Amino acid sequence: MAMIEPQSRFRVPANVASESMGSELMIVHLGEGTTFRLNHTGKFVWELAGQRHCTKEMVECIRERYPTASNQLEHDVRAVLTELVRHRLLEPGVEQTA
């Protein structure tokens, strides 16, 4: 599995659907029938990934929205992205170089 790098970008596969449930998000892999629930911060990560933000940009956006976010924020974002990729709910996309 590819490492989640600061410039990594992602895309949602065609066989994955999501549904907002208040502050949470339910994600379903239609081909496998697996589901994944994200809290409000994970939901924001999902939205940013869908907008093709790179990992570094996601961390910056979350810090802007939640100024009291932990010092582990980058680690936490990478952990969520790693799980979503592992469950085939996100695919690594084309990375752009700076």
Protein backbone atom coordinates (compact mmCIF):
# COMPACT_ATOMS: atom_id res chain seq x y z
CA MET A 1 0.00 0.00 0.00
CA ALA A 2 1.25 3.48 -0.88
CA MET A 3 2.40 5.79 1.88
CA ILE A 4 0.24 8.83 2.55
CA GLU A 5 2.54 11.76 1.77
CA PRO A 6 1.94 15.51 2.26
CA GLN A 7 1.28 15.92 -1.49
CA SER A 8 -0.91 12.79 -1.83
CA ARG A 9 -4.30 13.37 -3.45
CA PHE A 10 -7.26 11.01 -3.61
CA ARG A 11 -10.39 10.23 -5.57
CA VAL A 12 -13.60 8.45 -4.66
CA PRO A 13 -14.12 5.25 -6.68
CA ALA A 14 -17.30 5.00 -8.76
CA ASN A 15 -18.59 2.11 -6.62
CA VAL A 16 -18.48 4.10 -3.37
CA ALA A 17 -21.40 6.18 -2.08
CA SER A 18 -21.68 8.46 0.93
CA GLU A 19 -24.59 9.85 2.89
CA SER A 20 -24.47 12.69 5.40
CA MET A 21 -26.11 11.85 8.72
CA GLY A 22 -26.03 15.10 10.65
CA SER A 23 -22.47 15.72 11.76
CA GLU A 24 -21.43 12.21 10.68
CA LEU A 25 -20.94 10.56 7.31
CA MET A 26 -21.76 7.01 6.27
CA ILE A 27 -19.66 5.60 3.42
CA VAL A 28 -20.64 2.42 1.58
CA HIS A 29 -18.55 0.36 -0.82
CA LEU A 30 -21.35 -0.81 -3.10
CA GLY A 31 -19.34 -3.67 -4.61
CA GLU A 32 -18.35 -5.19 -1.28
CA GLY A 33 -21.20 -4.03 0.93
CA THR A 34 -18.83 -2.67 3.56
CA THR A 35 -19.71 0.47 5.48
CA PHE A 36 -17.65 3.05 7.31
CA ARG A 37 -18.84 5.82 9.59
CA LEU A 38 -16.88 9.04 10.08
CA ASN A 39 -17.27 11.66 12.80
CA HIS A 40 -17.46 15.38 11.96
CA THR A 41 -13.70 15.76 11.54
CA GLY A 42 -13.45 12.60 9.41
CA LYS A 43 -16.38 13.88 7.36
CA PHE A 44 -14.43 17.08 6.69
CA VAL A 45 -11.39 15.00 5.61
CA TRP A 46 -13.67 13.08 3.20
CA GLU A 47 -15.06 16.31 1.76
CA LEU A 48 -11.58 17.77 1.29
CA ALA A 49 -10.33 14.56 -0.35
CA GLY A 50 -13.29 14.68 -2.73
CA GLN A 51 -12.29 18.22 -3.65
CA ARG A 52 -8.82 16.88 -4.55
CA HIS A 53 -6.96 18.64 -1.73
CA CYS A 54 -3.61 17.08 -0.92
CA THR A 55 -2.91 15.76 2.58
CA LYS A 56 -0.98 18.89 3.57
CA GLU A 57 -3.85 21.14 2.44
CA MET A 58 -6.33 19.00 4.39
CA VAL A 59 -4.33 19.47 7.58
CA GLU A 60 -4.18 23.24 6.99
CA CYS A 61 -7.95 23.45 6.34
CA ILE A 62 -8.74 21.45 9.48
CA ARG A 63 -6.42 23.66 11.57
CA GLU A 64 -8.27 26.72 10.25
CA ARG A 65 -11.67 25.23 11.10
CA TYR A 66 -10.60 23.76 14.46
CA PRO A 67 -7.84 26.04 15.86
CA THR A 68 -7.55 23.89 19.00
CA ALA A 69 -6.78 20.74 16.99
CA SER A 70 -4.16 18.50 18.55
CA ASN A 71 -0.49 18.55 17.69
CA GLN A 72 -1.06 15.08 16.23
CA LEU A 73 -3.40 16.44 13.58
CA GLU A 74 -1.23 15.48 10.60
CA HIS A 75 -0.82 11.96 12.00
CA ASP A 76 -4.57 11.68 12.61
CA VAL A 77 -5.45 12.85 9.07
CA ARG A 78 -2.99 10.36 7.58
CA ALA A 79 -4.48 7.59 9.75
CA VAL A 80 -8.02 8.32 8.48
CA LEU A 81 -6.83 8.45 4.87
CA THR A 82 -4.87 5.21 5.31
CA GLU A 83 -7.98 3.42 6.62
CA LEU A 84 -10.15 4.76 3.81
CA VAL A 85 -7.62 3.62 1.21
CA ARG A 86 -7.20 0.25 2.93
CA HIS A 87 -10.96 -0.33 2.77
CA ARG A 88 -10.98 0.83 -0.89
CA LEU A 89 -13.23 3.78 -0.10
CA LEU A 90 -10.65 6.20 -1.50
CA GLU A 91 -8.04 5.66 -4.19
CA PRO A 92 -4.72 7.46 -4.40
CA GLY A 93 -4.97 9.95 -7.24
CA VAL A 94 -2.52 11.74 -9.44
CA GLU A 95 -0.14 13.74 -7.33
CA GLN A 96 0.79 17.24 -8.32
CA THR A 97 4.29 18.50 -7.79
CA ALA A 98 4.93 21.89 -6.24
